[in-house]
Amino acid sequence: MKTIRRLGVVGAGAWGTALANAGARAGLDVVLQGRDAGQMADMAARRANVAALPGIALADAVEPVTELSRMAACDVVLLVVPAQACRGVMEQLAACLAPGTPVVSCAKGIERGTGAFMSEVIAATAPQAVPAVLSGPSFAADVAAGLPTAVTLAMADEEQAQALAQALGSSTLRLYYSTDMRGVEIGGATKNVLAIAAGIVAGRQLGASARAALVSRGFAELMRFALARGARPETVTGLSGLGDLILTTSGPQSRNFAFGEALGAGRATADKLAEGAFTAAALMETARAHQIDMPVSAAVDDVLSGRLSIDAAIEALMARPQKAEG
């Protein structure tokens, strides 16, 4: 892999801005691209993403832009847009990419309608690019502020993965590397669905015991799904699996938890950035096709689709036949 000096970040929301700051902290020149000209001009003038990350300054090495064409001069591109928007953005971005450019998916979801993971979307839309995945327990505000964080970077080639992890890492962001892209993607996508379930438990005020039971049984089905789809056990028990599940089921700083909490409390919510709300149906389509038992995720899908009320879903989970733990 060639020397990495310039980092491109596509998507100027909270997570994209946080990763842009992290790239600058790693000593890279960063081009942060967003679609809204007004927003990007405001970020350039105020040196902050006031709407998404109030109180956190934009690093000096970060240049806010609107043109996707600016990615042509970047050595690595981080794709930081919602999972359901990845294909459309990649179709535009593909024409800008030099052959061999790593494109790192930072979304945590499964594409509805196709069941594709984001690395597959990148490969299909930009065959000249090198797909990669970044995932793990990381809140945008923590990363943007330079608080200690550790995540996983996965690519098919181990040497490339190691080099890229080294280039993006800093004293505050530690990157472990892996070649298990599918395992990393499964952890990121599935934990979002389980976080909605944990939020529902909190919103319904079902207690800490219920939440602990749900998270542990949710992890069991995440493990079942991942191993059936070819992931490695150490990936599932690592940062991008168990680590991210612990973080995202911990409280309302997680969008997916907050989404579920609002549902559980009977409050209307229309958070379009809660990835798990879009991933649940795609996850269960794949699980059913491969005969993988995922009762907690299925309950979330049933609630979101309107097939079951929350109370009926809880009753069905508690009434499942007794079985040995596993």
C-alpha atoms as a PDB file:
ATOM      1  CA  MET A   1       0.000   0.000   0.000  1.00  0.00           C
ATOM      2  CA  LYS A   2       1.287   3.463  -0.869  1.00  0.00           C
ATOM      3  CA  THR A   3       2.056   6.000   1.821  1.00  0.00           C
ATOM      4  CA  ILE A   4      -1.125   7.523   3.232  1.00  0.00           C
ATOM      5  CA  ARG A   5      -1.030  11.289   3.534  1.00  0.00           C
ATOM      6  CA  ARG A   6      -4.514  12.469   2.536  1.00  0.00           C
ATOM      7  CA  LEU A   7      -7.723  11.048   3.969  1.00  0.00           C
ATOM      8  CA  GLY A   8     -11.137  11.529   2.398  1.00  0.00           C
ATOM      9  CA  VAL A   9     -14.299  11.322   4.507  1.00  0.00           C
ATOM     10  CA  VAL A  10     -17.646  11.126   2.694  1.00  0.00           C
ATOM     11  CA  GLY A  11     -20.451  12.151   5.016  1.00  0.00           C
ATOM     12  CA  ALA A  12     -20.351  15.136   7.362  1.00  0.00           C
ATOM     13  CA  GLY A  13     -22.644  13.971  10.127  1.00  0.00           C
ATOM     14  CA  ALA A  14     -21.471  13.394  13.690  1.00  0.00           C
ATOM     15  CA  TRP A  15     -19.568  10.183  12.920  1.00  0.00           C
ATOM     16  CA  GLY A  16     -17.970  11.506   9.737  1.00  0.00           C
ATOM     17  CA  THR A  17     -16.864  14.678  11.519  1.00  0.00           C
ATOM     18  CA  ALA A  18     -15.488  12.638  14.423  1.00  0.00           C
ATOM     19  CA  LEU A  19     -13.474  10.424  12.071  1.00  0.00           C
ATOM     20  CA  ALA A  20     -12.198  13.491  10.225  1.00  0.00           C
ATOM     21  CA  ASN A  21     -10.894  14.840  13.532  1.00  0.00           C
ATOM     22  CA  ALA A  22      -9.369  11.439  14.300  1.00  0.00           C
ATOM     23  CA  GLY A  23      -7.610  11.420  10.930  1.00  0.00           C
ATOM     24  CA  ALA A  24      -6.174  14.855  11.596  1.00  0.00           C
ATOM     25  CA  ARG A  25      -5.004  13.638  15.000  1.00  0.00           C
ATOM     26  CA  ALA A  26      -3.168  10.841  13.184  1.00  0.00           C
ATOM     27  CA  GLY A  27      -1.246  13.459  11.201  1.00  0.00           C
ATOM     28  CA  LEU A  28      -3.203  13.244   7.946  1.00  0.00           C
ATOM     29  CA  ASP A  29      -4.601  15.992   5.748  1.00  0.00           C
ATOM     30  CA  VAL A  30      -8.358  15.432   5.702  1.00  0.00           C
ATOM     31  CA  VAL A  31     -11.021  16.334   3.145  1.00  0.00           C
ATOM     32  CA  LEU A  32     -14.500  16.114   4.704  1.00  0.00           C
ATOM     33  CA  GLN A  33     -17.273  16.019   2.127  1.00  0.00           C
ATOM     34  CA  GLY A  34     -20.942  16.786   2.767  1.00  0.00           C
ATOM     35  CA  ARG A  35     -23.862  17.416   0.420  1.00  0.00           C
ATOM     36  CA  ASP A  36     -25.278  20.533   2.075  1.00  0.00           C
ATOM     37  CA  ALA A  37     -23.379  23.583   0.811  1.00  0.00           C
ATOM     38  CA  GLY A  38     -24.702  25.759   3.618  1.00  0.00           C
ATOM     39  CA  GLN A  39     -23.639  23.290   6.276  1.00  0.00           C
ATOM     40  CA  MET A  40     -20.148  22.870   4.845  1.00  0.00           C
ATOM     41  CA  ALA A  41     -19.661  26.639   4.500  1.00  0.00           C
ATOM     42  CA  ASP A  42     -20.758  27.065   8.112  1.00  0.00           C
ATOM     43  CA  MET A  43     -18.322  24.349   9.230  1.00  0.00           C
ATOM     44  CA  ALA A  44     -15.490  26.022   7.341  1.00  0.00           C
ATOM     45  CA  ALA A  45     -16.293  29.424   8.851  1.00  0.00           C
ATOM     46  CA  ARG A  46     -16.967  28.345  12.443  1.00  0.00           C
ATOM     47  CA  ARG A  47     -14.537  25.384  12.482  1.00  0.00           C
ATOM     48  CA  ALA A  48     -17.181  23.215  14.104  1.00  0.00           C
ATOM     49  CA  ASN A  49     -20.115  20.992  13.210  1.00  0.00           C
ATOM     50  CA  VAL A  50     -22.443  22.866  15.530  1.00  0.00           C
ATOM     51  CA  ALA A  51     -25.568  20.828  14.789  1.00  0.00           C
ATOM     52  CA  ALA A  52     -24.018  17.364  15.110  1.00  0.00           C
ATOM     53  CA  LEU A  53     -21.154  17.844  17.585  1.00  0.00           C
ATOM     54  CA  PRO A  54     -21.730  21.000  19.630  1.00  0.00           C
ATOM     55  CA  GLY A  55     -18.764  22.172  21.662  1.00  0.00           C
ATOM     56  CA  ILE A  56     -16.144  20.240  19.679  1.00  0.00           C
ATOM     57  CA  ALA A  57     -13.768  22.155  17.415  1.00  0.00           C
ATOM     58  CA  LEU A  58     -12.983  20.958  13.909  1.00  0.00           C
ATOM     59  CA  ALA A  59      -9.274  20.154  13.592  1.00  0.00           C
ATOM     60  CA  ASP A  60      -7.168  22.594  11.563  1.00  0.00           C
ATOM     61  CA  ALA A  61      -6.162  19.846   9.112  1.00  0.00           C
ATOM     62  CA  VAL A  62      -9.806  19.152   8.138  1.00  0.00           C
ATOM     63  CA  GLU A  63     -11.112  20.878   4.993  1.00  0.00           C
ATOM     64  CA  PRO A  64     -14.929  20.871   4.608  1.00  0.00           C
ATOM     65  CA  VAL A  65     -16.029  20.567   0.941  1.00  0.00           C
ATOM     66  CA  THR A  66     -19.105  19.641  -1.085  1.00  0.00           C
ATOM     67  CA  GLU A  67     -17.499  18.114  -4.179  1.00  0.00           C
ATOM     68  CA  LEU A  68     -17.183  14.317  -4.282  1.00  0.00           C
ATOM     69  CA  SER A  69     -14.549  14.821  -6.974  1.00  0.00           C
ATOM     70  CA  ARG A  70     -12.151  15.922  -4.222  1.00  0.00           C
ATOM     71  CA  MET A  71     -11.900  12.259  -3.210  1.00  0.00           C
ATOM     72  CA  ALA A  72      -9.843  11.584  -6.349  1.00  0.00           C
ATOM     73  CA  ALA A  73      -6.750  12.993  -4.665  1.00  0.00           C
ATOM     74  CA  CYS A  74      -7.220  11.013  -1.447  1.00  0.00           C
ATOM     75  CA  ASP A  75      -5.176   7.930  -0.574  1.00  0.00           C
ATOM     76  CA  VAL A  76      -8.012   6.409   1.505  1.00  0.00           C
ATOM     77  CA  VAL A  77     -11.729   7.178   1.617  1.00  0.00           C
ATOM     78  CA  LEU A  78     -13.975   6.593   4.622  1.00  0.00           C
ATOM     79  CA  LEU A  79     -17.603   6.084   3.583  1.00  0.00           C
ATOM     80  CA  VAL A  80     -19.606   7.505   6.497  1.00  0.00           C
ATOM     81  CA  VAL A  81     -23.193   7.633   5.268  1.00  0.00           C
ATOM     82  CA  PRO A  82     -26.203   5.579   6.442  1.00  0.00           C
ATOM     83  CA  ALA A  83     -26.181   1.985   5.220  1.00  0.00           C
ATOM     84  CA  GLN A  84     -29.293   2.416   3.070  1.00  0.00           C
ATOM     85  CA  ALA A  85     -27.662   5.368   1.269  1.00  0.00           C
ATOM     86  CA  CYS A  86     -24.321   3.662   0.608  1.00  0.00           C
ATOM     87  CA  ARG A  87     -25.145   2.298  -2.829  1.00  0.00           C
ATOM     88  CA  GLY A  88     -26.362   5.609  -4.198  1.00  0.00           C
ATOM     89  CA  VAL A  89     -23.343   7.482  -2.869  1.00  0.00           C
ATOM     90  CA  MET A  90     -20.931   4.809  -4.099  1.00  0.00           C
ATOM     91  CA  GLU A  91     -22.414   4.972  -7.593  1.00  0.00           C
ATOM     92  CA  GLN A  92     -21.428   8.637  -7.700  1.00  0.00           C
ATOM     93  CA  LEU A  93     -18.132   8.175  -5.880  1.00  0.00           C
ATOM     94  CA  ALA A  94     -16.910   5.318  -8.092  1.00  0.00           C
ATOM     95  CA  ALA A  95     -16.045   7.630 -10.980  1.00  0.00           C
ATOM     96  CA  CYS A  96     -13.752   9.646  -8.690  1.00  0.00           C
ATOM     97  CA  LEU A  97     -11.671   6.795  -7.299  1.00  0.00           C
ATOM     98  CA  ALA A  98      -8.200   5.891  -8.482  1.00  0.00           C
ATOM     99  CA  PRO A  99      -7.596   2.136  -8.929  1.00  0.00           C
ATOM    100  CA  GLY A 100      -6.601   0.427  -5.701  1.00  0.00           C
ATOM    101  CA  THR A 101      -8.002   3.114  -3.391  1.00  0.00           C
ATOM    102  CA  PRO A 102      -9.230   1.619  -0.103  1.00  0.00           C
ATOM    103  CA  VAL A 103     -12.855   2.547   0.597  1.00  0.00           C
ATOM    104  CA  VAL A 104     -13.686   1.912   4.238  1.00  0.00           C
ATOM    105  CA  SER A 105     -17.322   1.375   5.164  1.00  0.00           C
ATOM    106  CA  CYS A 106     -18.124   2.995   8.502  1.00  0.00           C
ATOM    107  CA  ALA A 107     -21.861   2.200   8.406  1.00  0.00           C
ATOM    108  CA  LYS A 108     -23.349  -0.603  10.480  1.00  0.00           C
ATOM    109  CA  GLY A 109     -26.199  -2.167   8.577  1.00  0.00           C
ATOM    110  CA  ILE A 110     -27.465  -4.531   5.905  1.00  0.00           C
ATOM    111  CA  GLU A 111     -28.976  -3.230   2.664  1.00  0.00           C
ATOM    112  CA  ARG A 112     -32.712  -3.746   2.481  1.00  0.00           C
ATOM    113  CA  GLY A 113     -33.956  -5.516  -0.617  1.00  0.00           C
ATOM    114  CA  THR A 114     -30.614  -7.133  -1.468  1.00  0.00           C
ATOM    115  CA  GLY A 115     -29.362  -8.349   1.924  1.00  0.00           C
ATOM    116  CA  ALA A 116     -25.927  -7.042   0.940  1.00  0.00           C
ATOM    117  CA  PHE A 117     -23.307  -5.975   3.453  1.00  0.00           C
ATOM    118  CA  MET A 118     -21.581  -2.668   2.838  1.00  0.00           C
ATOM    119  CA  SER A 119     -18.314  -4.260   1.663  1.00  0.00           C
ATOM    120  CA  GLU A 120     -20.367  -6.046  -1.018  1.00  0.00           C
ATOM    121  CA  VAL A 121     -21.998  -2.763  -2.038  1.00  0.00           C
ATOM    122  CA  ILE A 122     -18.555  -1.160  -2.406  1.00  0.00           C
ATOM    123  CA  ALA A 123     -17.259  -4.086  -4.470  1.00  0.00           C
ATOM    124  CA  ALA A 124     -20.314  -4.063  -6.738  1.00  0.00           C
ATOM    125  CA  THR A 125     -20.333  -0.322  -7.411  1.00  0.00           C
ATOM    126  CA  ALA A 126     -16.575   0.353  -7.541  1.00  0.00           C
ATOM    127  CA  PRO A 127     -14.698  -2.767  -8.688  1.00  0.00           C
ATOM    128  CA  GLN A 128     -11.450  -0.785  -8.840  1.00  0.00           C
ATOM    129  CA  ALA A 129     -11.616   0.057  -5.138  1.00  0.00           C
ATOM    130  CA  VAL A 130     -10.417  -2.074  -2.216  1.00  0.00           C
ATOM    131  CA  PRO A 131     -13.286  -2.628   0.263  1.00  0.00           C
ATOM    132  CA  ALA A 132     -12.631  -2.357   3.991  1.00  0.00           C
ATOM    133  CA  VAL A 133     -14.715  -2.078   7.156  1.00  0.00           C
ATOM    134  CA  LEU A 134     -14.294  -0.002  10.321  1.00  0.00           C
ATOM    135  CA  SER A 135     -16.416  -0.900  13.338  1.00  0.00           C
ATOM    136  CA  GLY A 136     -16.326  -1.160  17.102  1.00  0.00           C
ATOM    137  CA  PRO A 137     -17.505   0.484  20.334  1.00  0.00           C
ATOM    138  CA  SER A 138     -17.262   4.176  19.549  1.00  0.00           C
ATOM    139  CA  PHE A 139     -19.523   7.135  20.172  1.00  0.00           C
ATOM    140  CA  ALA A 140     -18.887  10.032  17.795  1.00  0.00           C
ATOM    141  CA  ALA A 141     -18.538  12.616  20.573  1.00  0.00           C
ATOM    142  CA  ASP A 142     -15.876  10.523  22.330  1.00  0.00           C
ATOM    143  CA  VAL A 143     -13.813  10.034  19.169  1.00  0.00           C
ATOM    144  CA  ALA A 144     -14.163  13.659  18.091  1.00  0.00           C
ATOM    145  CA  ALA A 145     -13.027  14.887  21.502  1.00  0.00           C
ATOM    146  CA  GLY A 146      -9.991  12.604  21.489  1.00  0.00           C
ATOM    147  CA  LEU A 147     -11.116  10.321  24.315  1.00  0.00           C
ATOM    148  CA  PRO A 148      -9.452   6.875  24.322  1.00  0.00           C
ATOM    149  CA  THR A 149     -11.226   4.518  21.901  1.00  0.00           C
ATOM    150  CA  ALA A 150     -10.426   1.180  20.255  1.00  0.00           C
ATOM    151  CA  VAL A 151     -12.053  -0.193  17.092  1.00  0.00           C
ATOM    152  CA  THR A 152     -11.422  -2.845  14.440  1.00  0.00           C
ATOM    153  CA  LEU A 153     -10.385  -2.316  10.819  1.00  0.00           C
ATOM    154  CA  ALA A 154     -10.928  -5.278   8.483  1.00  0.00           C
ATOM    155  CA  MET A 155      -9.680  -5.864   4.937  1.00  0.00           C
ATOM    156  CA  ALA A 156      -9.173  -9.006   2.865  1.00  0.00           C
ATOM    157  CA  ASP A 157      -5.391  -8.514   2.763  1.00  0.00           C
ATOM    158  CA  GLU A 158      -3.774  -8.645   6.208  1.00  0.00           C
ATOM    159  CA  GLU A 159      -0.733  -6.574   5.232  1.00  0.00           C
ATOM    160  CA  GLN A 160      -2.948  -3.812   3.838  1.00  0.00           C
ATOM    161  CA  ALA A 161      -5.166  -3.950   6.924  1.00  0.00           C
ATOM    162  CA  GLN A 162      -2.181  -3.558   9.214  1.00  0.00           C
ATOM    163  CA  ALA A 163      -0.764  -0.656   7.204  1.00  0.00           C
ATOM    164  CA  LEU A 164      -4.077   1.179   7.126  1.00  0.00           C
ATOM    165  CA  ALA A 165      -4.682   0.620  10.841  1.00  0.00           C
ATOM    166  CA  GLN A 166      -1.245   2.050  11.537  1.00  0.00           C
ATOM    167  CA  ALA A 167      -1.930   5.100   9.349  1.00  0.00           C
ATOM    168  CA  LEU A 168      -5.309   5.925  10.911  1.00  0.00           C
ATOM    169  CA  GLY A 169      -4.398   5.206  14.515  1.00  0.00           C
ATOM    170  CA  SER A 170      -3.210   7.755  17.053  1.00  0.00           C
ATOM    171  CA  SER A 171      -2.575   8.110  20.768  1.00  0.00           C
ATOM    172  CA  THR A 172      -6.333   8.334  21.333  1.00  0.00           C
ATOM    173  CA  LEU A 173      -7.693   5.958  18.651  1.00  0.00           C
ATOM    174  CA  ARG A 174      -6.311   2.421  18.657  1.00  0.00           C
ATOM    175  CA  LEU A 175      -7.109   0.283  15.621  1.00  0.00           C
ATOM    176  CA  TYR A 176      -6.869  -3.487  15.739  1.00  0.00           C
ATOM    177  CA  TYR A 177      -6.734  -5.124  12.299  1.00  0.00           C
ATOM    178  CA  SER A 178      -8.463  -8.214  10.933  1.00  0.00           C
ATOM    179  CA  THR A 179      -9.169 -10.027   7.683  1.00  0.00           C
ATOM    180  CA  ASP A 180     -12.629 -11.115   8.888  1.00  0.00           C
ATOM    181  CA  MET A 181     -14.657  -8.439   7.121  1.00  0.00           C
ATOM    182  CA  ARG A 182     -17.906 -10.400   7.298  1.00  0.00           C
ATOM    183  CA  GLY A 183     -17.586 -11.004  11.021  1.00  0.00           C
ATOM    184  CA  VAL A 184     -16.925  -7.322  11.693  1.00  0.00           C
ATOM    185  CA  GLU A 185     -19.909  -6.302   9.553  1.00  0.00           C
ATOM    186  CA  ILE A 186     -22.244  -8.815  11.196  1.00  0.00           C
ATOM    187  CA  GLY A 187     -21.338  -7.565  14.656  1.00  0.00           C
ATOM    188  CA  GLY A 188     -21.995  -3.950  13.706  1.00  0.00           C
ATOM    189  CA  ALA A 189     -25.297  -4.636  11.969  1.00  0.00           C
ATOM    190  CA  THR A 190     -26.771  -7.106  14.465  1.00  0.00           C
ATOM    191  CA  LYS A 191     -25.924  -5.154  17.608  1.00  0.00           C
ATOM    192  CA  ASN A 192     -27.993  -2.217  16.330  1.00  0.00           C
ATOM    193  CA  VAL A 193     -31.109  -4.396  16.192  1.00  0.00           C
ATOM    194  CA  LEU A 194     -30.375  -5.734  19.676  1.00  0.00           C
ATOM    195  CA  ALA A 195     -29.843  -2.176  20.956  1.00  0.00           C
ATOM    196  CA  ILE A 196     -33.403  -1.334  19.907  1.00  0.00           C
ATOM    197  CA  ALA A 197     -34.586  -4.294  21.997  1.00  0.00           C
ATOM    198  CA  ALA A 198     -32.558  -3.073  24.983  1.00  0.00           C
ATOM    199  CA  GLY A 199     -34.047   0.385  24.571  1.00  0.00           C
ATOM    200  CA  ILE A 200     -37.567  -1.051  24.521  1.00  0.00           C
ATOM    201  CA  VAL A 201     -36.827  -2.848  27.810  1.00  0.00           C
ATOM    202  CA  ALA A 202     -35.669   0.454  29.317  1.00  0.00           C
ATOM    203  CA  GLY A 203     -38.620   2.398  27.933  1.00  0.00           C
ATOM    204  CA  ARG A 204     -41.056  -0.182  29.304  1.00  0.00           C
ATOM    205  CA  GLN A 205     -39.249   0.016  32.676  1.00  0.00           C
ATOM    206  CA  LEU A 206     -38.808  -3.764  32.804  1.00  0.00           C
ATOM    207  CA  GLY A 207     -35.747  -3.545  35.038  1.00  0.00           C
ATOM    208  CA  ALA A 208     -32.008  -4.130  34.965  1.00  0.00           C
ATOM    209  CA  SER A 209     -32.415  -7.912  35.255  1.00  0.00           C
ATOM    210  CA  ALA A 210     -34.496  -8.027  32.094  1.00  0.00           C
ATOM    211  CA  ARG A 211     -31.985  -5.880  30.219  1.00  0.00           C
ATOM    212  CA  ALA A 212     -29.069  -8.098  31.283  1.00  0.00           C
ATOM    213  CA  ALA A 213     -30.958 -11.209  30.188  1.00  0.00           C
ATOM    214  CA  LEU A 214     -31.847  -9.652  26.862  1.00  0.00           C
ATOM    215  CA  VAL A 215     -28.282  -8.540  26.119  1.00  0.00           C
ATOM    216  CA  SER A 216     -26.795 -11.917  26.989  1.00  0.00           C
ATOM    217  CA  ARG A 217     -29.359 -13.869  24.974  1.00  0.00           C
ATOM    218  CA  GLY A 218     -29.008 -11.338  22.173  1.00  0.00           C
ATOM    219  CA  PHE A 219     -25.282 -11.956  22.127  1.00  0.00           C
ATOM    220  CA  ALA A 220     -25.947 -15.696  21.869  1.00  0.00           C
ATOM    221  CA  GLU A 221     -27.988 -15.193  18.713  1.00  0.00           C
ATOM    222  CA  LEU A 222     -25.448 -12.737  17.304  1.00  0.00           C
ATOM    223  CA  MET A 223     -22.838 -15.477  17.777  1.00  0.00           C
ATOM    224  CA  ARG A 224     -25.077 -18.101  16.120  1.00  0.00           C
ATOM    225  CA  PHE A 225     -25.723 -15.894  13.122  1.00  0.00           C
ATOM    226  CA  ALA A 226     -22.098 -14.854  12.721  1.00  0.00           C
ATOM    227  CA  LEU A 227     -20.652 -18.363  12.927  1.00  0.00           C
ATOM    228  CA  ALA A 228     -23.257 -19.679  10.489  1.00  0.00           C
ATOM    229  CA  ARG A 229     -22.235 -16.962   8.039  1.00  0.00           C
ATOM    230  CA  GLY A 230     -18.519 -17.776   8.269  1.00  0.00           C
ATOM    231  CA  ALA A 231     -17.304 -15.310  10.899  1.00  0.00           C
ATOM    232  CA  ARG A 232     -14.537 -16.153  13.345  1.00  0.00           C
ATOM    233  CA  PRO A 233     -15.395 -16.599  17.042  1.00  0.00           C
ATOM    234  CA  GLU A 234     -12.665 -14.162  18.113  1.00  0.00           C
ATOM    235  CA  THR A 235     -14.250 -11.474  15.942  1.00  0.00           C
ATOM    236  CA  VAL A 236     -17.645 -11.947  17.576  1.00  0.00           C
ATOM    237  CA  THR A 237     -16.188 -11.791  21.092  1.00  0.00           C
ATOM    238  CA  GLY A 238     -13.978  -8.833  20.163  1.00  0.00           C
ATOM    239  CA  LEU A 239     -14.459  -5.101  19.764  1.00  0.00           C
ATOM    240  CA  SER A 240     -16.755  -5.189  16.745  1.00  0.00           C
ATOM    241  CA  GLY A 241     -19.038  -7.829  18.284  1.00  0.00           C
ATOM    242  CA  LEU A 242     -19.356  -8.038  22.047  1.00  0.00           C
ATOM    243  CA  GLY A 243     -17.590  -4.709  22.622  1.00  0.00           C
ATOM    244  CA  ASP A 244     -19.954  -2.758  20.395  1.00  0.00           C
ATOM    245  CA  LEU A 245     -22.975  -4.610  21.768  1.00  0.00           C
ATOM    246  CA  ILE A 246     -22.042  -3.618  25.335  1.00  0.00           C
ATOM    247  CA  LEU A 247     -21.682   0.037  24.354  1.00  0.00           C
ATOM    248  CA  THR A 248     -24.768   0.390  22.217  1.00  0.00           C
ATOM    249  CA  THR A 249     -27.085  -1.315  24.727  1.00  0.00           C
ATOM    250  CA  SER A 250     -25.798   0.848  27.588  1.00  0.00           C
ATOM    251  CA  GLY A 251     -27.968   3.933  27.251  1.00  0.00           C
ATOM    252  CA  PRO A 252     -29.577   6.647  25.125  1.00  0.00           C
ATOM    253  CA  GLN A 253     -26.281   8.019  23.794  1.00  0.00           C
ATOM    254  CA  SER A 254     -26.782   5.183  21.300  1.00  0.00           C
ATOM    255  CA  ARG A 255     -29.286   6.232  18.633  1.00  0.00           C
ATOM    256  CA  ASN A 256     -30.639   2.694  18.369  1.00  0.00           C
ATOM    257  CA  PHE A 257     -31.121   2.395  22.121  1.00  0.00           C
ATOM    258  CA  ALA A 258     -32.818   5.821  22.195  1.00  0.00           C
ATOM    259  CA  PHE A 259     -35.066   4.758  19.300  1.00  0.00           C
ATOM    260  CA  GLY A 260     -36.105   1.618  21.170  1.00  0.00           C
ATOM    261  CA  GLU A 261     -36.551   3.495  24.444  1.00  0.00           C
ATOM    262  CA  ALA A 262     -38.971   5.890  22.763  1.00  0.00           C
ATOM    263  CA  LEU A 263     -40.929   2.948  21.344  1.00  0.00           C
ATOM    264  CA  GLY A 264     -41.030   1.225  24.712  1.00  0.00           C
ATOM    265  CA  ALA A 265     -42.281   4.383  26.427  1.00  0.00           C
ATOM    266  CA  GLY A 266     -44.956   4.907  23.790  1.00  0.00           C
ATOM    267  CA  ARG A 267     -43.393   8.051  22.366  1.00  0.00           C
ATOM    268  CA  ALA A 268     -43.462   8.683  18.614  1.00  0.00           C
ATOM    269  CA  THR A 269     -40.032   8.620  17.009  1.00  0.00           C
ATOM    270  CA  ALA A 270     -38.826   9.114  13.448  1.00  0.00           C
ATOM    271  CA  ASP A 271     -35.056   8.930  13.836  1.00  0.00           C
ATOM    272  CA  LYS A 272     -33.857   8.122  10.329  1.00  0.00           C
ATOM    273  CA  LEU A 273     -30.314   7.539  11.623  1.00  0.00           C
ATOM    274  CA  ALA A 274     -31.221   4.559  13.807  1.00  0.00           C
ATOM    275  CA  GLU A 275     -29.649   1.958  11.501  1.00  0.00           C
ATOM    276  CA  GLY A 276     -31.190  -0.988  13.340  1.00  0.00           C
ATOM    277  CA  ALA A 277     -34.693   0.103  12.358  1.00  0.00           C
ATOM    278  CA  PHE A 278     -33.793  -0.456   8.698  1.00  0.00           C
ATOM    279  CA  THR A 279     -31.553  -3.487   9.236  1.00  0.00           C
ATOM    280  CA  ALA A 280     -33.972  -5.616  11.284  1.00  0.00           C
ATOM    281  CA  ALA A 281     -36.006  -6.838   8.307  1.00  0.00           C
ATOM    282  CA  ALA A 282     -32.930  -7.571   6.182  1.00  0.00           C
ATOM    283  CA  LEU A 283     -31.256  -9.379   9.075  1.00  0.00           C
ATOM    284  CA  MET A 284     -34.269 -11.609   9.648  1.00  0.00           C
ATOM    285  CA  GLU A 285     -34.683 -12.376   5.946  1.00  0.00           C
ATOM    286  CA  THR A 286     -31.137 -13.717   5.915  1.00  0.00           C
ATOM    287  CA  ALA A 287     -31.562 -15.548   9.239  1.00  0.00           C
ATOM    288  CA  ARG A 288     -34.700 -17.300   8.069  1.00  0.00           C
ATOM    289  CA  ALA A 289     -33.140 -18.224   4.728  1.00  0.00           C
ATOM    290  CA  HIS A 290     -30.296 -19.944   6.604  1.00  0.00           C
ATOM    291  CA  GLN A 291     -32.559 -21.337   9.370  1.00  0.00           C
ATOM    292  CA  ILE A 292     -30.772 -19.423  12.139  1.00  0.00           C
ATOM    293  CA  ASP A 293     -32.793 -18.980  15.323  1.00  0.00           C
ATOM    294  CA  MET A 294     -32.792 -15.293  16.374  1.00  0.00           C
ATOM    295  CA  PRO A 295     -35.837 -14.753  18.622  1.00  0.00           C
ATOM    296  CA  VAL A 296     -34.852 -11.342  20.049  1.00  0.00           C
ATOM    297  CA  SER A 297     -34.057  -9.885  16.619  1.00  0.00           C
ATOM    298  CA  ALA A 298     -37.232 -11.451  15.220  1.00  0.00           C
ATOM    299  CA  ALA A 299     -39.259  -9.781  17.976  1.00  0.00           C
ATOM    300  CA  VAL A 300     -37.767  -6.389  17.084  1.00  0.00           C
ATOM    301  CA  ASP A 301     -38.614  -6.967  13.419  1.00  0.00           C
ATOM    302  CA  ASP A 302     -42.162  -7.995  14.323  1.00  0.00           C
ATOM    303  CA  VAL A 303     -42.669  -4.866  16.441  1.00  0.00           C
ATOM    304  CA  LEU A 304     -41.217  -2.509  13.832  1.00  0.00           C
ATOM    305  CA  SER A 305     -43.301  -4.070  11.060  1.00  0.00           C
ATOM    306  CA  GLY A 306     -46.491  -3.864  13.119  1.00  0.00           C
ATOM    307  CA  ARG A 307     -47.037  -7.628  13.210  1.00  0.00           C
ATOM    308  CA  LEU A 308     -46.850  -7.670  17.014  1.00  0.00           C
ATOM    309  CA  SER A 309     -47.371  -5.142  19.764  1.00  0.00           C
ATOM    310  CA  ILE A 310     -44.507  -4.664  22.204  1.00  0.00           C
ATOM    311  CA  ASP A 311     -46.428  -6.436  24.973  1.00  0.00           C
ATOM    312  CA  ALA A 312     -47.261  -9.371  22.685  1.00  0.00           C
ATOM    313  CA  ALA A 313     -43.628  -9.651  21.591  1.00  0.00           C
ATOM    314  CA  ILE A 314     -42.437  -9.698  25.230  1.00  0.00           C
ATOM    315  CA  GLU A 315     -45.043 -12.329  26.126  1.00  0.00           C
ATOM    316  CA  ALA A 316     -43.988 -14.500  23.166  1.00  0.00           C
ATOM    317  CA  LEU A 317     -40.317 -14.332  24.150  1.00  0.00           C
ATOM    318  CA  MET A 318     -41.035 -15.267  27.757  1.00  0.00           C
ATOM    319  CA  ALA A 319     -43.339 -18.129  26.693  1.00  0.00           C
ATOM    320  CA  ARG A 320     -40.782 -19.831  24.426  1.00  0.00           C
ATOM    321  CA  PRO A 321     -40.268 -23.544  25.205  1.00  0.00           C
ATOM    322  CA  GLN A 322     -37.649 -24.233  27.836  1.00  0.00           C
ATOM    323  CA  LYS A 323     -34.254 -25.262  26.477  1.00  0.00           C
ATOM    324  CA  ALA A 324     -30.680 -25.761  27.533  1.00  0.00           C
ATOM    325  CA  GLU A 325     -28.603 -22.608  27.490  1.00  0.00           C
ATOM    326  CA  GLY A 326     -26.455 -22.207  24.396  1.00  0.00           C
END
